[in-house]
């Protein structure tokens, strides 16, 4: 019998196959911890429900008093080490409480038998092998049921497959407001239109985009997107690369078109920092690789005036310390963190 089994997933939404894994974990462990991933970002058709909503889907499906716990995990798309570290810290925090119910730290994590439980469904299950210090308890996949199909049914077909969902999940979905469903279905339509446009391509489509990270002292230039994907979210000025266009030229063009800011690359004497954002799941619109460039214009005597145009309904400067993942488009929050190194952020 394990003292603690840990189940990691996104649970978007929590469905019957997820519940089957937790049910099995509760037969093999005195305590079960469910770590809910992708809990820091905005609502998207891929991650439509908040950590609190998914936690309710899970916990409310079990009787009060069940030794079942949840905790949130945020994404680190370009740093697996940082992601694994937060998993270990979350496990340690709960394990120490379990080992020391009286509040005194007489026992450490080494005194407990801990395991990771899960199913290998596809390439996204690689995380199961990232924690050799814990036992791995594999649960056989008995159904092709997956959350992607359920989300598409909800947002594309406007149909709730209640037979595939625990009752608490259905209850949470029933409480979602109308504007949530309208926003997600509109975004899903944009995803489908994009997929249809490439349906006849003879090879897997990889879209190429560019993004401009413009810094003035401790501020970053952002735009607010005017349409889906990501309508209303803050984003870096950017877009698709034109035919015959080099990536740096594309980033400068998109910057000019969306904010009115003109930058001459020669001013930087080739000191421009760059980053390729290539995480396969970074965009809801399929495999999209973005070439990102940082332009630090802190040397200017005054901060340039900007104005939203083209695909951007507005543009403005945001303090780096005020940036939040939950209101930013795609992985733009993480792109900024990769390019802009600020102490304490």
Protein backbone atom coordinates (compact mmCIF):
# COMPACT_ATOMS: atom_id res chain seq x y z
CA UNK A 1 0.00 0.00 0.00
CA UNK A 2 1.36 3.39 -1.01
CA UNK A 3 1.26 6.31 1.36
CA UNK A 4 0.78 8.66 -1.61
CA UNK A 5 0.05 8.21 -5.30
CA UNK A 6 0.29 11.22 -7.60
CA UNK A 7 -1.77 11.65 -10.79
CA UNK A 8 -0.67 14.41 -13.20
CA UNK A 9 -2.81 15.78 -16.02
CA UNK A 10 -4.63 18.76 -17.50
CA UNK A 11 -8.15 17.33 -17.04
CA UNK A 12 -9.68 19.63 -19.67
CA UNK A 13 -12.24 18.42 -18.71
CA UNK A 14 -12.13 15.69 -16.07
CA UNK A 15 -13.74 12.64 -17.71
CA UNK A 16 -14.55 9.00 -16.94
CA UNK A 17 -11.10 7.64 -17.86
CA UNK A 18 -9.46 10.16 -15.51
CA UNK A 19 -11.87 9.05 -12.79
CA UNK A 20 -10.96 5.43 -13.43
CA UNK A 21 -7.29 6.20 -12.71
CA UNK A 22 -8.15 8.01 -9.47
CA UNK A 23 -10.46 5.16 -8.42
CA UNK A 24 -7.58 2.72 -8.96
CA UNK A 25 -5.18 4.98 -7.08
CA UNK A 26 -7.51 5.09 -4.08
CA UNK A 27 -7.41 1.28 -3.90
CA UNK A 28 -3.59 1.27 -3.86
CA UNK A 29 -2.80 4.31 -1.73
CA UNK A 30 -3.83 5.86 1.56
CA UNK A 31 -3.73 9.29 -0.08
CA UNK A 32 -3.99 10.53 -3.67
CA UNK A 33 -2.69 13.85 -4.99
CA UNK A 34 -3.96 15.13 -8.35
CA UNK A 35 -1.68 17.74 -9.92
CA UNK A 36 -3.65 19.88 -12.36
CA UNK A 37 -1.45 21.16 -15.17
CA UNK A 38 -1.65 24.24 -17.40
CA UNK A 39 -3.19 26.21 -14.55
CA UNK A 40 -1.64 29.61 -15.23
CA UNK A 41 -2.84 30.57 -18.70
CA UNK A 42 -5.95 32.20 -20.17
CA UNK A 43 -9.03 30.34 -21.33
CA UNK A 44 -8.56 28.76 -24.75
CA UNK A 45 -10.34 25.90 -26.55
CA UNK A 46 -7.39 23.71 -25.48
CA UNK A 47 -7.40 24.89 -21.84
CA UNK A 48 -10.88 26.28 -21.28
CA UNK A 49 -11.34 25.70 -17.55
CA UNK A 50 -9.48 27.25 -14.62
CA UNK A 51 -7.68 25.28 -11.96
CA UNK A 52 -10.50 25.97 -9.49
CA UNK A 53 -13.13 24.69 -11.92
CA UNK A 54 -11.17 21.52 -12.67
CA UNK A 55 -10.43 20.97 -8.99
CA UNK A 56 -14.19 21.11 -8.33
CA UNK A 57 -14.81 18.61 -11.13
CA UNK A 58 -12.44 16.20 -9.39
CA UNK A 59 -13.05 16.70 -5.67
CA UNK A 60 -16.83 17.04 -5.82
CA UNK A 61 -17.12 13.64 -7.47
CA UNK A 62 -15.89 11.92 -4.28
CA UNK A 63 -17.38 11.75 -0.77
CA UNK A 64 -16.29 14.30 1.81
CA UNK A 65 -13.44 12.82 3.84
CA UNK A 66 -11.78 11.03 0.91
CA UNK A 67 -8.02 11.45 1.18
CA UNK A 68 -7.89 13.13 -2.20
CA UNK A 69 -6.06 16.39 -2.80
CA UNK A 70 -5.45 18.70 -5.75
CA UNK A 71 -2.78 21.28 -6.48
CA UNK A 72 -2.05 23.54 -9.46
CA UNK A 73 0.86 23.25 -11.88
CA UNK A 74 1.85 26.06 -14.23
CA UNK A 75 3.50 25.51 -17.59
CA UNK A 76 7.20 25.92 -18.37
CA UNK A 77 7.10 25.12 -22.10
CA UNK A 78 10.82 25.81 -22.61
CA UNK A 79 12.16 24.47 -19.29
CA UNK A 80 11.29 20.86 -18.42
CA UNK A 81 13.62 21.08 -15.43
CA UNK A 82 11.66 23.92 -13.87
CA UNK A 83 8.38 22.08 -14.49
CA UNK A 84 9.71 18.89 -12.89
CA UNK A 85 11.01 20.90 -9.92
CA UNK A 86 7.54 22.31 -9.18
CA UNK A 87 6.10 18.78 -9.35
CA UNK A 88 8.66 17.54 -6.81
CA UNK A 89 7.97 20.53 -4.56
CA UNK A 90 4.21 19.96 -4.71
CA UNK A 91 4.66 16.29 -3.83
CA UNK A 92 7.02 17.15 -0.96
CA UNK A 93 4.60 19.70 0.48
CA UNK A 94 1.67 17.26 0.61
CA UNK A 95 3.83 14.29 1.65
CA UNK A 96 5.26 16.15 4.65
CA UNK A 97 1.75 17.05 5.81
CA UNK A 98 0.70 13.41 5.45
CA UNK A 99 3.76 12.15 7.32
CA UNK A 100 3.31 14.64 10.15
CA UNK A 101 -0.43 15.02 10.85
CA UNK A 102 0.25 16.56 14.26
CA UNK A 103 2.14 19.45 12.69
CA UNK A 104 5.55 18.47 14.05
CA UNK A 105 8.16 17.61 11.41
CA UNK A 106 9.25 14.29 12.92
CA UNK A 107 9.15 12.44 9.59
CA UNK A 108 10.57 13.28 6.20
CA UNK A 109 9.50 12.37 2.69
CA UNK A 110 11.89 9.40 2.73
CA UNK A 111 9.66 7.74 5.33
CA UNK A 112 6.79 7.44 2.84
CA UNK A 113 6.14 5.11 -0.07
CA UNK A 114 5.30 7.41 -2.98
CA UNK A 115 4.42 6.65 -6.58
CA UNK A 116 3.31 8.31 -9.82
CA UNK A 117 0.19 6.80 -11.40
CA UNK A 118 -0.94 7.31 -14.97
CA UNK A 119 -1.60 5.91 -18.43
CA UNK A 120 0.61 6.08 -21.51
CA UNK A 121 -1.65 7.46 -24.21
CA UNK A 122 0.69 9.30 -26.61
CA UNK A 123 3.92 11.32 -26.81
CA UNK A 124 2.57 13.73 -24.18
CA UNK A 125 2.98 11.01 -21.54
CA UNK A 126 6.77 11.35 -21.52
CA UNK A 127 6.59 13.08 -18.12
CA UNK A 128 5.90 9.70 -16.50
CA UNK A 129 9.60 8.89 -16.88
CA UNK A 130 10.84 12.18 -15.41
CA UNK A 131 10.66 11.09 -11.76
CA UNK A 132 12.81 7.98 -11.22
CA UNK A 133 12.84 8.61 -7.46
CA UNK A 134 9.18 7.55 -7.31
CA UNK A 135 7.59 4.24 -8.26
CA UNK A 136 5.63 4.25 -11.51
CA UNK A 137 2.17 2.67 -11.39
CA UNK A 138 0.83 2.29 -14.93
CA UNK A 139 -2.90 1.93 -15.52
CA UNK A 140 -3.85 0.28 -18.79
CA UNK A 141 -5.69 2.48 -21.26
CA UNK A 142 -9.01 0.70 -21.84
CA UNK A 143 -10.80 3.32 -23.94
CA UNK A 144 -9.83 5.75 -26.73
CA UNK A 145 -11.76 8.44 -24.83
CA UNK A 146 -9.79 11.67 -24.67
CA UNK A 147 -10.45 15.23 -23.55
CA UNK A 148 -9.74 16.69 -27.00
CA UNK A 149 -12.73 14.87 -28.50
CA UNK A 150 -14.94 16.04 -25.65
CA UNK A 151 -13.89 19.68 -26.06
CA UNK A 152 -14.52 19.53 -29.81
CA UNK A 153 -17.97 18.08 -29.14
CA UNK A 154 -18.71 20.92 -26.73
CA UNK A 155 -17.33 23.81 -28.80
CA UNK A 156 -17.87 22.59 -32.36
CA UNK A 157 -21.02 20.50 -32.14
CA UNK A 158 -22.53 22.24 -29.08
CA UNK A 159 -23.24 18.82 -27.61
CA UNK A 160 -22.40 17.70 -24.08
CA UNK A 161 -21.50 13.96 -24.01
CA UNK A 162 -22.82 13.38 -20.49
CA UNK A 163 -22.26 9.62 -20.67
CA UNK A 164 -18.48 10.25 -20.85
CA UNK A 165 -18.35 12.64 -17.92
CA UNK A 166 -18.63 12.26 -14.13
CA UNK A 167 -21.61 14.03 -12.63
CA UNK A 168 -19.49 16.77 -11.00
CA UNK A 169 -17.95 17.68 -14.36
CA UNK A 170 -21.41 18.01 -15.88
CA UNK A 171 -22.43 20.22 -12.95
CA UNK A 172 -19.45 22.54 -13.46
CA UNK A 173 -20.09 22.74 -17.22
CA UNK A 174 -23.76 23.55 -16.61
CA UNK A 175 -22.71 26.54 -14.50
CA UNK A 176 -20.44 28.11 -17.14
CA UNK A 177 -21.86 31.44 -18.36
CA UNK A 178 -23.14 32.03 -21.88
CA UNK A 179 -20.27 34.34 -22.83
CA UNK A 180 -17.82 31.52 -22.06
CA UNK A 181 -19.54 29.22 -24.56
CA UNK A 182 -19.82 31.99 -27.16
CA UNK A 183 -16.11 32.84 -26.89
CA UNK A 184 -14.92 29.23 -27.04
CA UNK A 185 -17.18 28.31 -29.98
CA UNK A 186 -16.02 31.38 -31.93
CA UNK A 187 -12.39 30.47 -31.28
CA UNK A 188 -13.05 26.84 -32.25
CA UNK A 189 -14.55 28.07 -35.51
CA UNK A 190 -11.33 29.98 -36.23
CA UNK A 191 -9.32 26.82 -35.55
CA UNK A 192 -11.52 24.80 -37.90
CA UNK A 193 -11.35 27.43 -40.65
CA UNK A 194 -7.56 27.40 -40.45
CA UNK A 195 -7.47 23.59 -40.58
CA UNK A 196 -9.82 23.56 -43.59
CA UNK A 197 -7.57 26.00 -45.45
CA UNK A 198 -4.68 23.54 -45.18
CA UNK A 199 -6.69 20.34 -45.57
CA UNK A 200 -5.31 19.51 -49.00
CA UNK A 201 -1.64 20.12 -48.16
CA UNK A 202 0.39 17.02 -49.11
CA UNK A 203 2.52 17.22 -45.95
CA UNK A 204 2.08 18.12 -42.24
CA UNK A 205 1.70 21.89 -42.08
CA UNK A 206 4.18 23.96 -40.08
CA UNK A 207 3.21 27.62 -39.94
CA UNK A 208 5.93 30.28 -39.54
CA UNK A 209 5.29 33.49 -37.63
CA UNK A 210 7.35 36.34 -36.20
CA UNK A 211 7.06 38.34 -32.98
CA UNK A 212 8.69 41.54 -31.76
CA UNK A 213 9.66 41.93 -28.10
CA UNK A 214 10.22 45.68 -27.73
CA UNK A 215 11.56 46.83 -24.39
CA UNK A 216 11.76 50.39 -23.09
CA UNK A 217 13.47 50.35 -19.68
CA UNK A 218 11.19 48.16 -17.51
CA UNK A 219 8.26 48.07 -19.92
CA UNK A 220 7.24 45.82 -22.82
CA UNK A 221 5.19 46.85 -25.85
CA UNK A 222 2.02 44.76 -26.20
CA UNK A 223 -1.09 44.83 -28.35
CA UNK A 224 -4.60 43.62 -27.64
CA UNK A 225 -5.85 41.16 -30.22
CA UNK A 226 -9.00 42.15 -32.09
CA UNK A 227 -10.15 38.73 -33.32
CA UNK A 228 -9.75 35.03 -32.71
CA UNK A 229 -7.54 33.24 -32.07
CA UNK A 230 -7.02 35.04 -28.77
CA UNK A 231 -9.52 37.88 -29.12
CA UNK A 232 -9.09 40.31 -26.25
CA UNK A 233 -5.80 38.86 -25.03
CA UNK A 234 -2.55 40.80 -24.77
CA UNK A 235 0.10 39.75 -27.27
CA UNK A 236 3.44 40.65 -28.75
CA UNK A 237 3.21 42.53 -32.07
CA UNK A 238 3.59 39.85 -34.71
CA UNK A 239 2.03 37.66 -37.33
CA UNK A 240 2.68 35.37 -40.27
CA UNK A 241 5.76 35.72 -42.40
CA UNK A 242 5.14 36.96 -45.93
CA UNK A 243 6.33 35.06 -49.00
CA UNK A 244 9.97 35.84 -49.73
CA UNK A 245 10.41 37.71 -46.46
CA UNK A 246 13.22 37.15 -43.96
CA UNK A 247 12.23 36.71 -40.33
CA UNK A 248 13.80 39.91 -38.95
CA UNK A 249 12.22 41.98 -41.70
CA UNK A 250 8.88 40.31 -40.97
CA UNK A 251 9.07 41.12 -37.26
CA UNK A 252 9.86 44.78 -38.01
CA UNK A 253 7.02 44.95 -40.55
CA UNK A 254 4.46 43.47 -38.14
CA UNK A 255 5.67 45.85 -35.42
CA UNK A 256 5.16 48.82 -37.72
CA UNK A 257 1.76 47.64 -38.98
CA UNK A 258 0.30 46.87 -35.55
CA UNK A 259 1.76 49.69 -33.43
CA UNK A 260 3.13 52.34 -35.79
CA UNK A 261 6.60 51.97 -34.25
CA UNK A 262 9.41 52.05 -36.80
CA UNK A 263 12.79 50.57 -35.83
CA UNK A 264 15.85 50.53 -38.05
CA UNK A 265 17.81 47.31 -37.41
CA UNK A 266 21.07 49.09 -38.22
CA UNK A 267 20.72 51.03 -34.97
CA UNK A 268 21.46 47.89 -32.98
CA UNK A 269 24.75 46.98 -34.65
CA UNK A 270 23.67 43.34 -34.78
CA UNK A 271 22.99 43.27 -31.00
CA UNK A 272 19.44 42.01 -31.50
CA UNK A 273 18.57 39.04 -29.28
CA UNK A 274 16.45 36.28 -30.80
CA UNK A 275 14.56 33.18 -29.71
CA UNK A 276 12.73 30.48 -31.65
CA UNK A 277 9.45 29.57 -30.00
CA UNK A 278 8.90 26.04 -31.26
CA UNK A 279 6.97 24.15 -28.60
CA UNK A 280 4.58 21.91 -30.58
CA UNK A 281 1.60 22.84 -28.40
CA UNK A 282 2.26 26.57 -28.19
CA UNK A 283 -0.60 27.57 -30.49
CA UNK A 284 -4.23 26.52 -30.78
CA UNK A 285 -3.88 26.87 -34.56
CA UNK A 286 -1.63 23.87 -35.06
CA UNK A 287 2.14 23.49 -35.16
CA UNK A 288 3.32 27.09 -35.38
CA UNK A 289 6.95 28.15 -35.06
CA UNK A 290 7.66 31.77 -34.24
CA UNK A 291 10.94 33.63 -34.73
CA UNK A 292 11.08 36.20 -31.94
CA UNK A 293 13.34 39.25 -31.73
CA UNK A 294 14.03 41.57 -28.83
CA UNK A 295 14.61 45.26 -29.51
CA UNK A 296 15.77 47.17 -26.44
CA UNK A 297 15.16 50.87 -27.04
CA UNK A 298 15.84 51.96 -23.47
CA UNK A 299 18.53 54.30 -24.81
CA UNK A 300 15.89 56.59 -26.31
CA UNK A 301 15.36 59.85 -24.42
CA UNK A 302 11.59 59.39 -24.46
CA UNK A 303 9.30 56.40 -24.69
CA UNK A 304 7.80 56.22 -28.19
CA UNK A 305 4.10 56.76 -28.70
CA UNK A 306 2.25 53.77 -30.18
CA UNK A 307 -1.25 53.11 -31.50
CA UNK A 308 -3.02 49.85 -32.27
CA UNK A 309 -3.73 49.12 -35.95
CA UNK A 310 -4.25 46.24 -38.38
CA UNK A 311 -5.07 43.14 -36.25
CA UNK A 312 -4.55 45.00 -32.96
CA UNK A 313 -7.40 46.99 -31.39
CA UNK A 314 -4.95 48.78 -29.10
CA UNK A 315 -1.25 48.98 -28.26
CA UNK A 316 0.54 50.13 -25.15
CA UNK A 317 3.43 49.74 -22.75
CA UNK A 318 3.11 47.33 -19.81
CA UNK A 319 5.42 47.11 -16.81
CA UNK A 320 7.36 43.85 -16.86
CA UNK A 321 6.45 43.28 -13.20
CA UNK A 322 2.74 43.46 -14.13
CA UNK A 323 2.85 40.78 -16.84
CA UNK A 324 0.56 37.80 -16.18
CA UNK A 325 0.28 34.56 -18.10
CA UNK A 326 -3.49 34.38 -17.65
CA UNK A 327 -4.23 37.32 -19.95
CA UNK A 328 -1.60 36.75 -22.63
CA UNK A 329 -1.87 35.03 -26.00
CA UNK A 330 -0.26 31.64 -26.76
CA UNK A 331 3.17 31.40 -25.10
CA UNK A 332 4.01 35.11 -25.37
CA UNK A 333 4.47 35.39 -21.61
CA UNK A 334 7.14 32.66 -21.80
CA UNK A 335 8.77 34.21 -24.88
CA UNK A 336 9.26 37.44 -22.95
CA UNK A 337 10.72 35.52 -20.01
CA UNK A 338 13.20 33.82 -22.36
CA UNK A 339 14.35 37.09 -23.95
CA UNK A 340 14.03 39.61 -21.12
CA UNK A 341 16.08 38.84 -18.04
CA UNK A 342 14.88 40.88 -15.08
CA UNK A 343 15.84 40.09 -11.52
CA UNK A 344 12.95 38.75 -9.49
CA UNK A 345 10.75 37.97 -12.52
